[in-house]
PDB file of N, CA and C in Angstrom:
ATOM      1  N   MET A   1     168.463 -91.828 -36.174  1.00  0.00           N
ATOM      2  CA  MET A   1     169.301 -93.147 -35.608  1.00  0.00           C
ATOM      3  C   MET A   1     168.587 -93.753 -34.611  1.00  0.00           C
ATOM      4  N   LYS A   2     168.584 -95.309 -34.786  1.00  0.00           N
ATOM      5  CA  LYS A   2     167.784 -96.171 -33.839  1.00  0.00           C
ATOM      6  C   LYS A   2     169.044 -96.536 -32.805  1.00  0.00           C
ATOM      7  N   THR A   3     168.549 -96.491 -31.740  1.00  0.00           N
ATOM      8  CA  THR A   3     169.646 -97.270 -30.703  1.00  0.00           C
ATOM      9  C   THR A   3     169.346 -98.725 -30.077  1.00  0.00           C
ATOM     10  N   ILE A   4     169.894 -99.627 -30.153  1.00  0.00           N
ATOM     11  CA  ILE A   4     169.354-100.889 -29.553  1.00  0.00           C
ATOM     12  C   ILE A   4     169.988-101.118 -28.256  1.00  0.00           C
ATOM     13  N   ILE A   5     169.323-101.472 -27.307  1.00  0.00           N
ATOM     14  CA  ILE A   5     169.938-101.836 -26.094  1.00  0.00           C
ATOM     15  C   ILE A   5     169.403-103.204 -25.508  1.00  0.00           C
ATOM     16  N   VAL A   6     170.392-103.901 -25.338  1.00  0.00           N
ATOM     17  CA  VAL A   6     170.127-105.404 -24.836  1.00  0.00           C
ATOM     18  C   VAL A   6     170.173-105.464 -23.624  1.00  0.00           C
ATOM     19  N   GLY A   7     169.159-105.847 -22.656  1.00  0.00           N
ATOM     20  CA  GLY A   7     169.170-106.002 -21.174  1.00  0.00           C
ATOM     21  C   GLY A   7     168.350-104.783 -20.613  1.00  0.00           C
ATOM     22  N   GLY A   8     167.203-105.376 -19.865  1.00  0.00           N
ATOM     23  CA  GLY A   8     166.357-104.291 -19.420  1.00  0.00           C
ATOM     24  C   GLY A   8     166.538-104.062 -17.966  1.00  0.00           C
ATOM     25  N   GLY A   9     168.152-104.407 -17.510  1.00  0.00           N
ATOM     26  CA  GLY A   9     168.441-104.053 -15.864  1.00  0.00           C
ATOM     27  C   GLY A   9     168.268-103.035 -15.811  1.00  0.00           C
ATOM     28  N   ILE A  10     168.877-102.414 -14.591  1.00  0.00           N
ATOM     29  CA  ILE A  10     169.042-100.813 -14.073  1.00  0.00           C
ATOM     30  C   ILE A  10     169.863 -99.828 -15.039  1.00  0.00           C
ATOM     31  N   ALA A  11     170.954-100.794 -15.609  1.00  0.00           N
ATOM     32  CA  ALA A  11     171.701-100.040 -16.662  1.00  0.00           C
ATOM     33  C   ALA A  11     170.875 -99.904 -17.847  1.00  0.00           C
ATOM     34  N   GLY A  12     170.565-100.771 -18.622  1.00  0.00           N
ATOM     35  CA  GLY A  12     169.728-100.424 -19.676  1.00  0.00           C
ATOM     36  C   GLY A  12     168.734 -99.818 -19.723  1.00  0.00           C
ATOM     37  N   ILE A  13     167.722 -99.812 -18.799  1.00  0.00           N
ATOM     38  CA  ILE A  13     166.675 -98.813 -18.368  1.00  0.00           C
ATOM     39  C   ILE A  13     167.083 -97.465 -18.351  1.00  0.00           C
ATOM     40  N   SER A  14     168.090 -97.114 -17.551  1.00  0.00           N
ATOM     41  CA  SER A  14     168.561 -96.073 -17.320  1.00  0.00           C
ATOM     42  C   SER A  14     169.176 -95.246 -18.668  1.00  0.00           C
ATOM     43  N   ILE A  15     169.732 -96.010 -19.324  1.00  0.00           N
ATOM     44  CA  ILE A  15     170.424 -95.410 -20.646  1.00  0.00           C
ATOM     45  C   ILE A  15     169.299 -95.124 -21.492  1.00  0.00           C
ATOM     46  N   ALA A  16     168.269 -96.160 -21.576  1.00  0.00           N
ATOM     47  CA  ALA A  16     167.235 -95.802 -22.519  1.00  0.00           C
ATOM     48  C   ALA A  16     166.464 -94.452 -21.959  1.00  0.00           C
ATOM     49  N   ASN A  17     166.426 -94.586 -21.004  1.00  0.00           N
ATOM     50  CA  ASN A  17     165.542 -93.165 -20.336  1.00  0.00           C
ATOM     51  C   ASN A  17     166.439 -92.003 -20.825  1.00  0.00           C
ATOM     52  N   GLU A  18     167.587 -92.031 -20.267  1.00  0.00           N
ATOM     53  CA  GLU A  18     168.577 -90.806 -20.759  1.00  0.00           C
ATOM     54  C   GLU A  18     168.341 -90.370 -22.182  1.00  0.00           C
ATOM     55  N   LEU A  19     168.538 -91.338 -23.282  1.00  0.00           N
ATOM     56  CA  LEU A  19     168.387 -91.386 -24.798  1.00  0.00           C
ATOM     57  C   LEU A  19     167.160 -90.676 -24.994  1.00  0.00           C
ATOM     58  N   THR A  20     165.985 -91.211 -24.698  1.00  0.00           N
ATOM     59  CA  THR A  20     164.521 -90.683 -24.924  1.00  0.00           C
ATOM     60  C   THR A  20     164.301 -89.299 -24.503  1.00  0.00           C
ATOM     61  N   LYS A  21     165.129 -88.965 -23.373  1.00  0.00           N
ATOM     62  CA  LYS A  21     165.006 -87.638 -23.060  1.00  0.00           C
ATOM     63  C   LYS A  21     165.352 -86.427 -24.028  1.00  0.00           C
ATOM     64  N   ASN A  22     166.436 -87.225 -24.963  1.00  0.00           N
ATOM     65  CA  ASN A  22     167.053 -86.560 -26.178  1.00  0.00           C
ATOM     66  C   ASN A  22     166.574 -86.719 -27.264  1.00  0.00           C
ATOM     67  N   ASN A  23     165.530 -87.335 -27.370  1.00  0.00           N
ATOM     68  CA  ASN A  23     164.633 -87.211 -28.517  1.00  0.00           C
ATOM     69  C   ASN A  23     165.301 -88.416 -29.150  1.00  0.00           C
ATOM     70  N   GLN A  24     165.855 -89.659 -28.864  1.00  0.00           N
ATOM     71  CA  GLN A  24     166.447 -90.687 -29.560  1.00  0.00           C
ATOM     72  C   GLN A  24     165.672 -91.784 -29.562  1.00  0.00           C
ATOM     73  N   ASP A  25     165.537 -92.465 -30.848  1.00  0.00           N
ATOM     74  CA  ASP A  25     164.719 -93.763 -30.952  1.00  0.00           C
ATOM     75  C   ASP A  25     165.463 -94.711 -30.402  1.00  0.00           C
ATOM     76  N   VAL A  26     164.871 -95.372 -29.337  1.00  0.00           N
ATOM     77  CA  VAL A  26     165.548 -96.543 -28.527  1.00  0.00           C
ATOM     78  C   VAL A  26     164.636 -97.690 -28.626  1.00  0.00           C
ATOM     79  N   VAL A  27     165.351 -98.986 -28.928  1.00  0.00           N
ATOM     80  CA  VAL A  27     164.636-100.252 -28.798  1.00  0.00           C
ATOM     81  C   VAL A  27     165.208-100.929 -27.939  1.00  0.00           C
ATOM     82  N   LEU A  28     164.545-101.483 -26.879  1.00  0.00           N
ATOM     83  CA  LEU A  28     165.235-102.376 -25.805  1.00  0.00           C
ATOM     84  C   LEU A  28     164.831-103.709 -25.602  1.00  0.00           C
ATOM     85  N   PHE A  29     165.827-104.535 -25.704  1.00  0.00           N
ATOM     86  CA  PHE A  29     165.556-106.075 -25.959  1.00  0.00           C
ATOM     87  C   PHE A  29     165.851-106.767 -24.370  1.00  0.00           C
ATOM     88  N   ASP A  30     165.131-107.327 -24.165  1.00  0.00           N
ATOM     89  CA  ASP A  30     165.341-108.321 -22.589  1.00  0.00           C
ATOM     90  C   ASP A  30     164.793-109.785 -22.993  1.00  0.00           C
ATOM     91  N   SER A  31     165.688-110.489 -22.505  1.00  0.00           N
ATOM     92  CA  SER A  31     165.182-112.358 -22.355  1.00  0.00           C
ATOM     93  C   SER A  31     163.914-112.274 -21.372  1.00  0.00           C
ATOM     94  N   VAL A  32     163.901-111.671 -20.234  1.00  0.00           N
ATOM     95  CA  VAL A  32     163.050-111.845 -19.588  1.00  0.00           C
ATOM     96  C   VAL A  32     161.885-110.710 -19.439  1.00  0.00           C
ATOM     97  N   LYS A  33     160.686-111.231 -19.369  1.00  0.00           N
ATOM     98  CA  LYS A  33     159.397-110.293 -19.235  1.00  0.00           C
ATOM     99  C   LYS A  33     159.537-109.850 -17.728  1.00  0.00           C
ATOM    100  N   ASN A  34     159.127-108.447 -17.356  1.00  0.00           N
ATOM    101  CA  ASN A  34     159.021-107.840 -16.047  1.00  0.00           C
ATOM    102  C   ASN A  34     160.156-108.307 -14.969  1.00  0.00           C
ATOM    103  N   THR A  35     161.603-107.636 -15.653  1.00  0.00           N
ATOM    104  CA  THR A  35     162.661-107.996 -14.711  1.00  0.00           C
ATOM    105  C   THR A  35     162.764-106.914 -13.515  1.00  0.00           C
ATOM    106  N   ALA A  36     162.319-105.720 -13.501  1.00  0.00           N
ATOM    107  CA  ALA A  36     162.243-105.166 -12.477  1.00  0.00           C
ATOM    108  C   ALA A  36     161.254-105.085 -11.534  1.00  0.00           C
ATOM    109  N   SER A  37     161.323-105.223 -10.296  1.00  0.00           N
ATOM    110  CA  SER A  37     159.884-105.215  -9.440  1.00  0.00           C
ATOM    111  C   SER A  37     159.772-103.782  -9.166  1.00  0.00           C
ATOM    112  N   LEU A  38     158.508-103.655  -8.185  1.00  0.00           N
ATOM    113  CA  LEU A  38     157.689-102.405  -8.197  1.00  0.00           C
ATOM    114  C   LEU A  38     158.903-101.562  -7.233  1.00  0.00           C
ATOM    115  N   VAL A  39     159.559-102.280  -6.378  1.00  0.00           N
ATOM    116  CA  VAL A  39     160.260-101.684  -5.366  1.00  0.00           C
ATOM    117  C   VAL A  39     161.586-101.096  -6.202  1.00  0.00           C
ATOM    118  N   ALA A  40     162.075-101.901  -6.891  1.00  0.00           N
ATOM    119  CA  ALA A  40     163.280-101.575  -7.628  1.00  0.00           C
ATOM    120  C   ALA A  40     163.013-100.185  -8.765  1.00  0.00           C
ATOM    121  N   GLY A  41     161.654-100.440  -9.189  1.00  0.00           N
ATOM    122  CA  GLY A  41     161.369 -99.390  -9.945  1.00  0.00           C
ATOM    123  C   GLY A  41     161.210 -97.946  -9.223  1.00  0.00           C
ATOM    124  N   GLY A  42     160.544 -98.280  -8.042  1.00  0.00           N
ATOM    125  CA  GLY A  42     160.497 -97.014  -7.048  1.00  0.00           C
ATOM    126  C   GLY A  42     161.728 -96.417  -6.570  1.00  0.00           C
ATOM    127  N   ILE A  43     162.606 -97.058  -6.666  1.00  0.00           N
ATOM    128  CA  ILE A  43     163.840 -96.590  -6.118  1.00  0.00           C
ATOM    129  C   ILE A  43     164.421 -95.438  -7.405  1.00  0.00           C
ATOM    130  N   ILE A  44     164.241 -95.803  -8.585  1.00  0.00           N
ATOM    131  CA  ILE A  44     164.197 -94.847  -9.634  1.00  0.00           C
ATOM    132  C   ILE A  44     163.489 -93.989  -9.990  1.00  0.00           C
ATOM    133  N   ASN A  45     162.074 -94.001  -9.749  1.00  0.00           N
ATOM    134  CA  ASN A  45     161.024 -93.228 -10.199  1.00  0.00           C
ATOM    135  C   ASN A  45     160.111 -93.272  -8.708  1.00  0.00           C
ATOM    136  N   PRO A  46     160.397 -92.345  -7.747  1.00  0.00           N
ATOM    137  CA  PRO A  46     159.585 -92.482  -6.449  1.00  0.00           C
ATOM    138  C   PRO A  46     158.173 -92.287  -6.812  1.00  0.00           C
ATOM    139  N   ILE A  47     157.607 -91.794  -8.128  1.00  0.00           N
ATOM    140  CA  ILE A  47     156.126 -91.397  -8.360  1.00  0.00           C
ATOM    141  C   ILE A  47     155.358 -92.738  -8.496  1.00  0.00           C
ATOM    142  N   VAL A  48     156.134 -93.958  -8.174  1.00  0.00           N
ATOM    143  CA  VAL A  48     155.510 -95.256  -8.424  1.00  0.00           C
ATOM    144  C   VAL A  48     154.609 -95.429  -7.290  1.00  0.00           C
ATOM    145  N   PHE A  49     155.209 -94.828  -5.991  1.00  0.00           N
ATOM    146  CA  PHE A  49     154.349 -95.345  -5.027  1.00  0.00           C
ATOM    147  C   PHE A  49     153.609 -94.243  -4.330  1.00  0.00           C
ATOM    148  N   ARG A  50     153.311 -93.198  -5.418  1.00  0.00           N
ATOM    149  CA  ARG A  50     152.331 -92.064  -4.961  1.00  0.00           C
ATOM    150  C   ARG A  50     150.857 -92.676  -5.098  1.00  0.00           C
ATOM    151  N   ARG A  51     150.141 -92.613  -4.271  1.00  0.00           N
ATOM    152  CA  ARG A  51     148.790 -92.680  -4.281  1.00  0.00           C
ATOM    153  C   ARG A  51     147.625 -91.768  -4.607  1.00  0.00           C
ATOM    154  N   THR A  52     147.063 -91.886  -5.393  1.00  0.00           N
ATOM    155  CA  THR A  52     145.765 -90.449  -5.893  1.00  0.00           C
ATOM    156  C   THR A  52     144.750 -90.955  -4.827  1.00  0.00           C
TER     157      THR A  52
END
């Protein structure tokens, strides 16, 4: 079964992440490209700020 999520905000991305962890097919639609900033993404995924 494929899940459709409308909205790429924190809630939409969080549920998409959880569903994909459980091997679910997810399609996420958002009307705005690049809605989350690097800082907002770093709150959820601290590895964003790691430098190699």
